[in-house]
Amino acid sequence: MSNTLPAILMLIVGLFTLALAMLRRVQSGRSPVVMTYGDDAEGFTGKLFRVVVAALVVHLLAVAAFPEAVGASLGRIPVLDGPLLHTAGLVLMALGGGLTMLSQWAKIGIPEEQDAPLVTSGFYAFSRNPIYAGMVTALTGTVLAVPNVVSVALALSAWISISYQIRMEETHLSRAFGEAYSAYCGRVRRWV
């Protein structure tokens, strides 16, 4: 069961995110997912993030289905491979997934124009990016719950992609909200 929990947690968060995005699309008439598919830096970052998340899901499903084979072939990291760290990883995955889902419930996507208010309450009063903070927490948990080279590589790739995405979103929000966003940035940190 412990080999399947990381995959189950990741699938729950993924399915919730997909369902919420569909609900928001029905409610607003447009997709809340703002990662583009273009050939620019933003498009590359969006593509990278989608590929990394898909690879992470496949990796966790492989660990759940073939734990011994995956563990033997993908370079387990002995210093991270213990029951206490595994449990801590599952807790971080659950907490990070929960933070991601609750933050997405408050706001998913960024306004294309100033057609929606700048969200600064709830989790957004403590972090400008609680969705991404939740994702990074869950990714850290994944490395501890499934301590192998692939988990580390995918978590680092996702973190790099998220870091670029945050900076692109900040540029957009600064243009869309001007002084209100600058004041918000002065009060609330990027991560926590």
N, C-alpha and C. Protein backbone atom coordinates (compact mmCIF):
# COMPACT_ATOMS: atom_id res chain seq x y z
N MET A 1 0.82 -1.20 0.00
CA MET A 1 0.00 0.00 0.00
C MET A 1 0.86 1.26 0.00
N SER A 2 1.99 1.24 0.73
CA SER A 2 2.80 2.45 0.81
C SER A 2 3.41 2.83 -0.54
N ASN A 3 3.59 1.87 -1.44
CA ASN A 3 4.10 2.19 -2.78
C ASN A 3 3.03 2.84 -3.65
N THR A 4 1.77 2.60 -3.33
CA THR A 4 0.70 3.17 -4.14
C THR A 4 0.24 4.53 -3.65
N LEU A 5 0.50 4.87 -2.39
CA LEU A 5 0.02 6.16 -1.85
C LEU A 5 0.53 7.38 -2.62
N PRO A 6 1.81 7.45 -2.99
CA PRO A 6 2.24 8.63 -3.76
C PRO A 6 1.45 8.79 -5.06
N ALA A 7 1.22 7.70 -5.77
CA ALA A 7 0.45 7.78 -7.02
C ALA A 7 -0.98 8.20 -6.76
N ILE A 8 -1.58 7.65 -5.70
CA ILE A 8 -2.96 8.00 -5.36
C ILE A 8 -3.06 9.49 -5.01
N LEU A 9 -2.15 9.98 -4.19
CA LEU A 9 -2.17 11.39 -3.82
C LEU A 9 -2.01 12.28 -5.05
N MET A 10 -1.07 11.95 -5.93
CA MET A 10 -0.85 12.75 -7.14
C MET A 10 -2.08 12.71 -8.05
N LEU A 11 -2.70 11.56 -8.18
CA LEU A 11 -3.90 11.46 -9.02
C LEU A 11 -5.07 12.25 -8.44
N ILE A 12 -5.22 12.24 -7.13
CA ILE A 12 -6.30 13.02 -6.50
C ILE A 12 -6.13 14.50 -6.81
N VAL A 13 -4.92 15.01 -6.60
CA VAL A 13 -4.67 16.43 -6.88
C VAL A 13 -4.86 16.73 -8.37
N GLY A 14 -4.36 15.86 -9.21
CA GLY A 14 -4.50 16.06 -10.66
C GLY A 14 -5.95 16.06 -11.12
N LEU A 15 -6.72 15.10 -10.63
CA LEU A 15 -8.13 15.02 -11.02
C LEU A 15 -8.93 16.20 -10.47
N PHE A 16 -8.62 16.63 -9.25
CA PHE A 16 -9.28 17.80 -8.68
C PHE A 16 -8.98 19.03 -9.53
N THR A 17 -7.72 19.20 -9.89
CA THR A 17 -7.32 20.36 -10.70
C THR A 17 -8.03 20.35 -12.05
N LEU A 18 -8.08 19.20 -12.68
CA LEU A 18 -8.78 19.08 -13.96
C LEU A 18 -10.26 19.39 -13.82
N ALA A 19 -10.90 18.83 -12.81
CA ALA A 19 -12.34 19.07 -12.59
C ALA A 19 -12.60 20.55 -12.29
N LEU A 20 -11.75 21.15 -11.48
CA LEU A 20 -11.92 22.56 -11.14
C LEU A 20 -11.72 23.44 -12.37
N ALA A 21 -10.72 23.13 -13.19
CA ALA A 21 -10.49 23.91 -14.41
C ALA A 21 -11.71 23.81 -15.34
N MET A 22 -12.29 22.61 -15.45
CA MET A 22 -13.49 22.45 -16.29
C MET A 22 -14.66 23.24 -15.71
N LEU A 23 -14.83 23.20 -14.40
CA LEU A 23 -15.90 23.96 -13.75
C LEU A 23 -15.71 25.46 -14.00
N ARG A 24 -14.49 25.96 -13.81
CA ARG A 24 -14.22 27.38 -14.03
C ARG A 24 -14.45 27.77 -15.49
N ARG A 25 -14.14 26.87 -16.40
CA ARG A 25 -14.37 27.15 -17.83
C ARG A 25 -15.86 27.27 -18.11
N VAL A 26 -16.65 26.38 -17.53
CA VAL A 26 -18.11 26.44 -17.72
C VAL A 26 -18.66 27.72 -17.10
N GLN A 27 -18.16 28.09 -15.91
CA GLN A 27 -18.64 29.29 -15.22
C GLN A 27 -18.28 30.57 -15.95
N SER A 28 -17.05 30.65 -16.47
CA SER A 28 -16.57 31.91 -17.04
C SER A 28 -16.61 31.95 -18.56
N GLY A 29 -16.69 30.80 -19.19
CA GLY A 29 -16.67 30.76 -20.64
C GLY A 29 -15.28 30.76 -21.24
N ARG A 30 -14.25 30.76 -20.38
CA ARG A 30 -12.88 30.69 -20.88
C ARG A 30 -12.04 29.81 -19.96
N SER A 31 -10.97 29.31 -20.52
CA SER A 31 -10.10 28.41 -19.76
C SER A 31 -9.33 29.19 -18.70
N PRO A 32 -9.29 28.68 -17.47
CA PRO A 32 -8.48 29.32 -16.43
C PRO A 32 -7.01 28.95 -16.54
N VAL A 33 -6.69 28.01 -17.39
CA VAL A 33 -5.31 27.57 -17.55
C VAL A 33 -4.63 28.56 -18.49
N VAL A 34 -3.62 29.24 -17.99
CA VAL A 34 -3.01 30.32 -18.76
C VAL A 34 -1.67 29.95 -19.38
N MET A 35 -1.20 28.74 -19.17
CA MET A 35 0.05 28.35 -19.81
C MET A 35 -0.19 28.23 -21.31
N THR A 36 0.64 28.90 -22.08
CA THR A 36 0.43 28.93 -23.52
C THR A 36 1.15 27.77 -24.19
N TYR A 37 0.88 27.63 -25.47
CA TYR A 37 1.52 26.59 -26.27
C TYR A 37 2.45 27.19 -27.31
N GLY A 38 2.70 28.50 -27.23
CA GLY A 38 3.50 29.19 -28.23
C GLY A 38 4.95 28.78 -28.24
N ASP A 39 5.70 29.44 -29.13
CA ASP A 39 7.11 29.13 -29.31
C ASP A 39 8.01 30.12 -28.56
N ASP A 40 7.41 30.84 -27.61
CA ASP A 40 8.18 31.80 -26.82
C ASP A 40 8.55 31.17 -25.48
N ALA A 41 9.16 31.95 -24.60
CA ALA A 41 9.61 31.43 -23.29
C ALA A 41 8.43 30.93 -22.47
N GLU A 42 7.32 31.66 -22.50
CA GLU A 42 6.14 31.23 -21.73
C GLU A 42 5.59 29.91 -22.26
N GLY A 43 5.55 29.77 -23.58
CA GLY A 43 5.08 28.52 -24.17
C GLY A 43 5.99 27.35 -23.82
N PHE A 44 7.31 27.59 -23.86
CA PHE A 44 8.26 26.55 -23.50
C PHE A 44 8.07 26.13 -22.05
N THR A 45 7.91 27.12 -21.17
CA THR A 45 7.73 26.81 -19.75
C THR A 45 6.46 26.00 -19.53
N GLY A 46 5.39 26.38 -20.20
CA GLY A 46 4.13 25.64 -20.08
C GLY A 46 4.27 24.21 -20.57
N LYS A 47 4.93 24.04 -21.70
CA LYS A 47 5.14 22.69 -22.25
C LYS A 47 6.01 21.86 -21.30
N LEU A 48 7.08 22.47 -20.82
CA LEU A 48 7.97 21.77 -19.89
C LEU A 48 7.21 21.31 -18.65
N PHE A 49 6.40 22.19 -18.09
CA PHE A 49 5.66 21.84 -16.88
C PHE A 49 4.71 20.68 -17.16
N ARG A 50 3.99 20.72 -18.27
CA ARG A 50 3.06 19.63 -18.60
C ARG A 50 3.79 18.31 -18.79
N VAL A 51 4.93 18.34 -19.48
CA VAL A 51 5.72 17.12 -19.70
C VAL A 51 6.23 16.57 -18.37
N VAL A 52 6.73 17.44 -17.51
CA VAL A 52 7.26 17.00 -16.21
C VAL A 52 6.15 16.40 -15.35
N VAL A 53 5.00 17.04 -15.31
CA VAL A 53 3.89 16.50 -14.51
C VAL A 53 3.44 15.15 -15.07
N ALA A 54 3.32 15.04 -16.39
CA ALA A 54 2.94 13.76 -16.99
C ALA A 54 3.98 12.68 -16.67
N ALA A 55 5.25 13.02 -16.77
CA ALA A 55 6.31 12.06 -16.45
C ALA A 55 6.27 11.67 -14.98
N LEU A 56 5.98 12.62 -14.12
CA LEU A 56 5.88 12.32 -12.68
C LEU A 56 4.73 11.36 -12.40
N VAL A 57 3.59 11.59 -13.03
CA VAL A 57 2.45 10.69 -12.83
C VAL A 57 2.79 9.29 -13.33
N VAL A 58 3.38 9.19 -14.52
CA VAL A 58 3.78 7.89 -15.06
C VAL A 58 4.80 7.22 -14.14
N HIS A 59 5.74 8.01 -13.65
CA HIS A 59 6.76 7.47 -12.74
C HIS A 59 6.12 6.91 -11.47
N LEU A 60 5.21 7.67 -10.86
CA LEU A 60 4.56 7.22 -9.63
C LEU A 60 3.67 6.00 -9.88
N LEU A 61 3.02 5.95 -11.03
CA LEU A 61 2.23 4.76 -11.38
C LEU A 61 3.14 3.54 -11.56
N ALA A 62 4.32 3.74 -12.18
CA ALA A 62 5.27 2.65 -12.35
C ALA A 62 5.78 2.16 -11.00
N VAL A 63 6.04 3.09 -10.09
CA VAL A 63 6.49 2.72 -8.73
C VAL A 63 5.39 1.92 -8.04
N ALA A 64 4.14 2.32 -8.21
CA ALA A 64 3.03 1.60 -7.59
C ALA A 64 2.86 0.21 -8.18
N ALA A 65 3.00 0.09 -9.50
CA ALA A 65 2.77 -1.19 -10.18
C ALA A 65 3.97 -2.14 -10.07
N PHE A 66 5.17 -1.59 -10.14
CA PHE A 66 6.38 -2.43 -10.16
C PHE A 66 7.43 -1.89 -9.19
N PRO A 67 7.13 -1.87 -7.90
CA PRO A 67 8.03 -1.21 -6.95
C PRO A 67 9.45 -1.77 -6.92
N GLU A 68 9.59 -3.06 -6.97
CA GLU A 68 10.93 -3.66 -6.90
C GLU A 68 11.74 -3.36 -8.16
N ALA A 69 11.13 -3.51 -9.31
CA ALA A 69 11.84 -3.26 -10.57
C ALA A 69 12.23 -1.79 -10.70
N VAL A 70 11.31 -0.91 -10.37
CA VAL A 70 11.61 0.53 -10.47
C VAL A 70 12.67 0.90 -9.44
N GLY A 71 12.54 0.40 -8.23
CA GLY A 71 13.52 0.70 -7.19
C GLY A 71 14.91 0.23 -7.57
N ALA A 72 15.01 -0.92 -8.20
CA ALA A 72 16.31 -1.46 -8.57
C ALA A 72 16.92 -0.73 -9.77
N SER A 73 16.08 -0.27 -10.69
CA SER A 73 16.62 0.30 -11.93
C SER A 73 16.77 1.82 -11.93
N LEU A 74 16.13 2.51 -11.01
CA LEU A 74 16.14 3.97 -11.07
C LEU A 74 16.95 4.65 -9.98
N GLY A 75 17.92 3.95 -9.45
CA GLY A 75 18.86 4.56 -8.53
C GLY A 75 18.27 5.13 -7.26
N ARG A 76 17.78 4.24 -6.40
CA ARG A 76 17.26 4.70 -5.11
C ARG A 76 18.36 5.45 -4.37
N ILE A 77 17.96 6.42 -3.58
CA ILE A 77 18.89 7.25 -2.83
C ILE A 77 18.86 6.78 -1.38
N PRO A 78 19.86 5.98 -0.97
CA PRO A 78 19.84 5.33 0.34
C PRO A 78 19.66 6.29 1.52
N VAL A 79 20.28 7.46 1.47
CA VAL A 79 20.20 8.39 2.60
C VAL A 79 18.76 8.90 2.82
N LEU A 80 17.95 8.86 1.79
CA LEU A 80 16.55 9.29 1.90
C LEU A 80 15.59 8.12 2.03
N ASP A 81 16.11 6.91 1.99
CA ASP A 81 15.28 5.72 1.93
C ASP A 81 15.08 5.10 3.31
N GLY A 82 14.17 5.68 4.08
CA GLY A 82 13.85 5.13 5.39
C GLY A 82 12.39 5.37 5.71
N PRO A 83 11.83 4.60 6.62
CA PRO A 83 10.40 4.70 6.90
C PRO A 83 9.98 6.07 7.43
N LEU A 84 10.80 6.71 8.24
CA LEU A 84 10.44 8.01 8.78
C LEU A 84 10.39 9.07 7.67
N LEU A 85 11.40 9.08 6.80
CA LEU A 85 11.41 10.03 5.69
C LEU A 85 10.29 9.71 4.69
N HIS A 86 10.02 8.43 4.48
CA HIS A 86 8.93 8.03 3.58
C HIS A 86 7.59 8.58 4.12
N THR A 87 7.37 8.43 5.41
CA THR A 87 6.15 8.94 6.04
C THR A 87 6.10 10.46 5.95
N ALA A 88 7.22 11.12 6.23
CA ALA A 88 7.28 12.58 6.12
C ALA A 88 6.97 13.02 4.69
N GLY A 89 7.46 12.26 3.72
CA GLY A 89 7.17 12.56 2.32
C GLY A 89 5.69 12.46 2.00
N LEU A 90 5.05 11.42 2.50
CA LEU A 90 3.61 11.27 2.26
C LEU A 90 2.83 12.41 2.91
N VAL A 91 3.26 12.81 4.12
CA VAL A 91 2.60 13.94 4.80
C VAL A 91 2.78 15.22 3.99
N LEU A 92 4.01 15.48 3.51
CA LEU A 92 4.25 16.67 2.69
C LEU A 92 3.46 16.63 1.39
N MET A 93 3.36 15.45 0.78
CA MET A 93 2.56 15.33 -0.44
C MET A 93 1.10 15.67 -0.15
N ALA A 94 0.58 15.15 0.96
CA ALA A 94 -0.82 15.41 1.31
C ALA A 94 -1.03 16.89 1.64
N LEU A 95 -0.14 17.47 2.46
CA LEU A 95 -0.26 18.88 2.81
C LEU A 95 -0.10 19.78 1.59
N GLY A 96 0.89 19.50 0.77
CA GLY A 96 1.11 20.28 -0.44
C GLY A 96 -0.05 20.15 -1.42
N GLY A 97 -0.55 18.93 -1.56
CA GLY A 97 -1.71 18.72 -2.43
C GLY A 97 -2.94 19.44 -1.91
N GLY A 98 -3.13 19.38 -0.58
CA GLY A 98 -4.26 20.08 0.02
C GLY A 98 -4.16 21.59 -0.17
N LEU A 99 -2.96 22.15 0.05
CA LEU A 99 -2.75 23.58 -0.15
C LEU A 99 -2.99 23.96 -1.61
N THR A 100 -2.50 23.15 -2.51
CA THR A 100 -2.72 23.40 -3.94
C THR A 100 -4.20 23.43 -4.26
N MET A 101 -4.93 22.42 -3.80
CA MET A 101 -6.36 22.34 -4.12
C MET A 101 -7.15 23.48 -3.49
N LEU A 102 -6.89 23.78 -2.21
CA LEU A 102 -7.62 24.86 -1.56
C LEU A 102 -7.30 26.22 -2.19
N SER A 103 -6.05 26.43 -2.57
CA SER A 103 -5.67 27.68 -3.22
C SER A 103 -6.30 27.79 -4.60
N GLN A 104 -6.37 26.68 -5.31
CA GLN A 104 -7.01 26.70 -6.62
C GLN A 104 -8.50 26.96 -6.50
N TRP A 105 -9.10 26.51 -5.43
CA TRP A 105 -10.52 26.75 -5.23
C TRP A 105 -10.78 28.26 -5.13
N ALA A 106 -9.85 28.97 -4.45
CA ALA A 106 -9.98 30.42 -4.31
C ALA A 106 -9.72 31.12 -5.63
N LYS A 107 -8.75 30.62 -6.38
CA LYS A 107 -8.39 31.26 -7.64
C LYS A 107 -7.58 30.28 -8.46
N ILE A 108 -7.99 30.07 -9.69
CA ILE A 108 -7.18 29.26 -10.60
C ILE A 108 -6.98 30.10 -11.85
N GLY A 109 -5.75 30.18 -12.28
CA GLY A 109 -5.43 31.01 -13.43
C GLY A 109 -5.24 32.45 -13.02
N ILE A 110 -4.75 33.24 -13.95
CA ILE A 110 -4.59 34.67 -13.69
C ILE A 110 -5.45 35.42 -14.70
N PRO A 111 -5.96 36.58 -14.32
CA PRO A 111 -6.81 37.33 -15.24
C PRO A 111 -6.04 37.75 -16.49
N GLU A 112 -6.68 37.60 -17.65
CA GLU A 112 -6.02 38.04 -18.88
C GLU A 112 -5.96 39.56 -18.93
N GLU A 113 -6.97 40.18 -18.43
CA GLU A 113 -7.03 41.63 -18.35
C GLU A 113 -7.50 41.93 -16.94
N GLN A 114 -7.84 43.16 -16.69
CA GLN A 114 -8.33 43.49 -15.36
C GLN A 114 -9.83 43.19 -15.30
N ASP A 115 -10.19 41.98 -15.77
CA ASP A 115 -11.59 41.57 -15.79
C ASP A 115 -11.97 40.78 -14.54
N ALA A 116 -11.03 40.58 -13.67
CA ALA A 116 -11.28 39.89 -12.41
C ALA A 116 -10.44 40.59 -11.34
N PRO A 117 -10.89 40.55 -10.11
CA PRO A 117 -10.14 41.24 -9.06
C PRO A 117 -8.83 40.53 -8.74
N LEU A 118 -7.89 41.29 -8.24
CA LEU A 118 -6.64 40.73 -7.74
C LEU A 118 -6.95 40.04 -6.41
N VAL A 119 -6.69 38.75 -6.34
CA VAL A 119 -6.99 37.99 -5.13
C VAL A 119 -5.84 38.19 -4.14
N THR A 120 -6.18 38.73 -2.96
CA THR A 120 -5.16 39.00 -1.93
C THR A 120 -5.58 38.46 -0.56
N SER A 121 -6.64 37.71 -0.50
CA SER A 121 -7.13 37.20 0.78
C SER A 121 -6.94 35.69 0.85
N GLY A 122 -7.30 35.11 1.98
CA GLY A 122 -7.13 33.67 2.18
C GLY A 122 -5.65 33.32 2.17
N PHE A 123 -5.28 32.26 1.49
CA PHE A 123 -3.87 31.87 1.41
C PHE A 123 -3.04 32.93 0.71
N TYR A 124 -3.68 33.72 -0.16
CA TYR A 124 -2.98 34.76 -0.91
C TYR A 124 -2.57 35.94 -0.02
N ALA A 125 -3.03 35.97 1.22
CA ALA A 125 -2.58 36.99 2.17
C ALA A 125 -1.22 36.61 2.77
N PHE A 126 -0.82 35.35 2.61
CA PHE A 126 0.45 34.87 3.17
C PHE A 126 1.48 34.54 2.10
N SER A 127 1.03 34.27 0.89
CA SER A 127 1.91 33.92 -0.22
C SER A 127 1.29 34.42 -1.51
N ARG A 128 2.10 35.01 -2.37
CA ARG A 128 1.57 35.44 -3.67
C ARG A 128 1.32 34.24 -4.57
N ASN A 129 1.88 33.10 -4.21
CA ASN A 129 1.79 31.91 -5.05
C ASN A 129 1.49 30.65 -4.23
N PRO A 130 0.38 30.62 -3.49
CA PRO A 130 0.14 29.44 -2.66
C PRO A 130 -0.09 28.17 -3.47
N ILE A 131 -0.60 28.30 -4.69
CA ILE A 131 -0.76 27.10 -5.53
C ILE A 131 0.62 26.49 -5.80
N TYR A 132 1.53 27.34 -6.24
CA TYR A 132 2.88 26.85 -6.54
C TYR A 132 3.61 26.41 -5.28
N ALA A 133 3.39 27.11 -4.16
CA ALA A 133 4.00 26.70 -2.89
C ALA A 133 3.51 25.30 -2.51
N GLY A 134 2.23 25.05 -2.72
CA GLY A 134 1.68 23.71 -2.48
C GLY A 134 2.30 22.67 -3.39
N MET A 135 2.47 23.04 -4.67
CA MET A 135 3.07 22.10 -5.62
C MET A 135 4.50 21.75 -5.23
N VAL A 136 5.28 22.76 -4.85
CA VAL A 136 6.67 22.52 -4.47
C VAL A 136 6.73 21.68 -3.19
N THR A 137 5.82 21.94 -2.26
CA THR A 137 5.75 21.11 -1.05
C THR A 137 5.45 19.66 -1.41
N ALA A 138 4.48 19.46 -2.30
CA ALA A 138 4.13 18.10 -2.73
C ALA A 138 5.29 17.44 -3.47
N LEU A 139 6.00 18.21 -4.29
CA LEU A 139 7.15 17.66 -5.01
C LEU A 139 8.27 17.26 -4.04
N THR A 140 8.50 18.08 -3.03
CA THR A 140 9.49 17.73 -2.01
C THR A 140 9.07 16.44 -1.31
N GLY A 141 7.79 16.33 -1.01
CA GLY A 141 7.27 15.10 -0.42
C GLY A 141 7.45 13.91 -1.33
N THR A 142 7.29 14.11 -2.62
CA THR A 142 7.46 13.02 -3.58
C THR A 142 8.88 12.49 -3.55
N VAL A 143 9.85 13.39 -3.46
CA VAL A 143 11.25 12.96 -3.40
C VAL A 143 11.49 12.11 -2.16
N LEU A 144 10.87 12.49 -1.03
CA LEU A 144 11.06 11.71 0.20
C LEU A 144 10.26 10.41 0.18
N ALA A 145 9.07 10.44 -0.43
CA ALA A 145 8.23 9.23 -0.47
C ALA A 145 8.73 8.22 -1.49
N VAL A 146 9.33 8.72 -2.56
CA VAL A 146 9.85 7.86 -3.64
C VAL A 146 11.28 8.34 -3.93
N PRO A 147 12.21 8.00 -3.04
CA PRO A 147 13.56 8.56 -3.13
C PRO A 147 14.44 7.90 -4.19
N ASN A 148 14.26 8.34 -5.43
CA ASN A 148 15.14 7.85 -6.47
C ASN A 148 15.55 9.01 -7.38
N VAL A 149 16.48 8.75 -8.26
CA VAL A 149 17.06 9.79 -9.11
C VAL A 149 15.99 10.43 -10.00
N VAL A 150 15.05 9.65 -10.49
CA VAL A 150 14.01 10.19 -11.37
C VAL A 150 13.12 11.16 -10.60
N SER A 151 12.74 10.82 -9.38
CA SER A 151 11.93 11.73 -8.56
C SER A 151 12.64 13.06 -8.35
N VAL A 152 13.92 12.99 -8.04
CA VAL A 152 14.70 14.21 -7.82
C VAL A 152 14.77 15.03 -9.11
N ALA A 153 15.07 14.38 -10.23
CA ALA A 153 15.18 15.09 -11.50
C ALA A 153 13.85 15.74 -11.89
N LEU A 154 12.76 15.02 -11.72
CA LEU A 154 11.46 15.58 -12.07
C LEU A 154 11.05 16.71 -11.12
N ALA A 155 11.34 16.56 -9.84
CA ALA A 155 11.02 17.62 -8.89
C ALA A 155 11.83 18.88 -9.19
N LEU A 156 13.11 18.73 -9.50
CA LEU A 156 13.93 19.90 -9.84
C LEU A 156 13.46 20.55 -11.14
N SER A 157 13.11 19.74 -12.12
CA SER A 157 12.60 20.28 -13.39
C SER A 157 11.31 21.04 -13.18
N ALA A 158 10.42 20.49 -12.37
CA ALA A 158 9.15 21.17 -12.09
C ALA A 158 9.40 22.48 -11.34
N TRP A 159 10.32 22.45 -10.38
CA TRP A 159 10.62 23.67 -9.62
C TRP A 159 11.17 24.76 -10.53
N ILE A 160 12.06 24.40 -11.45
CA ILE A 160 12.59 25.39 -12.40
C ILE A 160 11.46 25.95 -13.27
N SER A 161 10.62 25.08 -13.77
CA SER A 161 9.50 25.51 -14.59
C SER A 161 8.55 26.43 -13.82
N ILE A 162 8.25 26.05 -12.60
CA ILE A 162 7.36 26.86 -11.74
C ILE A 162 7.99 28.23 -11.48
N SER A 163 9.30 28.26 -11.22
CA SER A 163 9.98 29.52 -10.95
C SER A 163 9.88 30.47 -12.14
N TYR A 164 10.06 29.95 -13.34
CA TYR A 164 9.91 30.78 -14.54
C TYR A 164 8.46 31.22 -14.72
N GLN A 165 7.54 30.30 -14.51
CA GLN A 165 6.12 30.63 -14.67
C GLN A 165 5.71 31.75 -13.71
N ILE A 166 6.17 31.69 -12.48
CA ILE A 166 5.86 32.73 -11.49
C ILE A 166 6.33 34.09 -11.99
N ARG A 167 7.55 34.15 -12.49
CA ARG A 167 8.09 35.43 -12.94
C ARG A 167 7.31 35.98 -14.14
N MET A 168 6.89 35.12 -15.03
CA MET A 168 6.08 35.58 -16.17
C MET A 168 4.72 36.06 -15.70
N GLU A 169 4.13 35.35 -14.75
CA GLU A 169 2.83 35.78 -14.21
C GLU A 169 2.97 37.11 -13.48
N GLU A 170 4.07 37.29 -12.75
CA GLU A 170 4.28 38.56 -12.05
C GLU A 170 4.36 39.73 -13.02
N THR A 171 5.04 39.54 -14.14
CA THR A 171 5.13 40.59 -15.15
C THR A 171 3.74 40.93 -15.68
N HIS A 172 2.96 39.91 -15.96
CA HIS A 172 1.60 40.11 -16.45
C HIS A 172 0.74 40.84 -15.41
N LEU A 173 0.78 40.38 -14.17
CA LEU A 173 -0.03 41.00 -13.12
C LEU A 173 0.39 42.43 -12.85
N SER A 174 1.67 42.70 -12.96
CA SER A 174 2.15 44.07 -12.78
C SER A 174 1.58 44.99 -13.85
N ARG A 175 1.54 44.51 -15.08
CA ARG A 175 0.95 45.29 -16.17
C ARG A 175 -0.56 45.45 -15.98
N ALA A 176 -1.22 44.37 -15.56
CA ALA A 176 -2.68 44.40 -15.45
C ALA A 176 -3.17 45.21 -14.25
N PHE A 177 -2.44 45.16 -13.14
CA PHE A 177 -2.93 45.78 -11.90
C PHE A 177 -2.09 46.94 -11.41
N GLY A 178 -0.94 47.17 -12.03
CA GLY A 178 -0.13 48.34 -11.71
C GLY A 178 0.21 48.48 -10.24
N GLU A 179 -0.13 49.65 -9.69
CA GLU A 179 0.23 50.00 -8.31
C GLU A 179 -0.40 49.05 -7.29
N ALA A 180 -1.61 48.58 -7.56
CA ALA A 180 -2.26 47.65 -6.62
C ALA A 180 -1.43 46.37 -6.48
N TYR A 181 -0.88 45.88 -7.59
CA TYR A 181 -0.06 44.68 -7.52
C TYR A 181 1.28 44.98 -6.86
N SER A 182 1.87 46.14 -7.15
CA SER A 182 3.14 46.52 -6.51
C SER A 182 2.98 46.60 -5.00
N ALA A 183 1.86 47.19 -4.55
CA ALA A 183 1.61 47.28 -3.11
C ALA A 183 1.44 45.90 -2.50
N TYR A 184 0.73 45.03 -3.21
CA TYR A 184 0.54 43.65 -2.75
C TYR A 184 1.90 42.95 -2.63
N CYS A 185 2.78 43.14 -3.62
CA CYS A 185 4.11 42.52 -3.58
C CYS A 185 4.92 43.06 -2.40
N GLY A 186 4.69 44.31 -2.04
CA GLY A 186 5.39 44.88 -0.90
C GLY A 186 4.94 44.28 0.43
N ARG A 187 3.69 43.79 0.49
CA ARG A 187 3.14 43.22 1.73
C ARG A 187 3.33 41.71 1.82
N VAL A 188 3.31 41.02 0.70
CA VAL A 188 3.26 39.56 0.70
C VAL A 188 4.44 39.01 -0.11
N ARG A 189 5.12 38.05 0.46
CA ARG A 189 6.28 37.45 -0.19
C ARG A 189 5.86 36.54 -1.35
N ARG A 190 6.81 36.27 -2.23
CA ARG A 190 6.56 35.42 -3.41
C ARG A 190 6.15 34.00 -2.99
N TRP A 191 6.88 33.41 -2.04
CA TRP A 191 6.60 32.04 -1.64
C TRP A 191 5.83 32.00 -0.33
N VAL A 192 6.49 32.32 0.77
CA VAL A 192 5.83 32.32 2.08
C VAL A 192 6.40 33.44 2.92
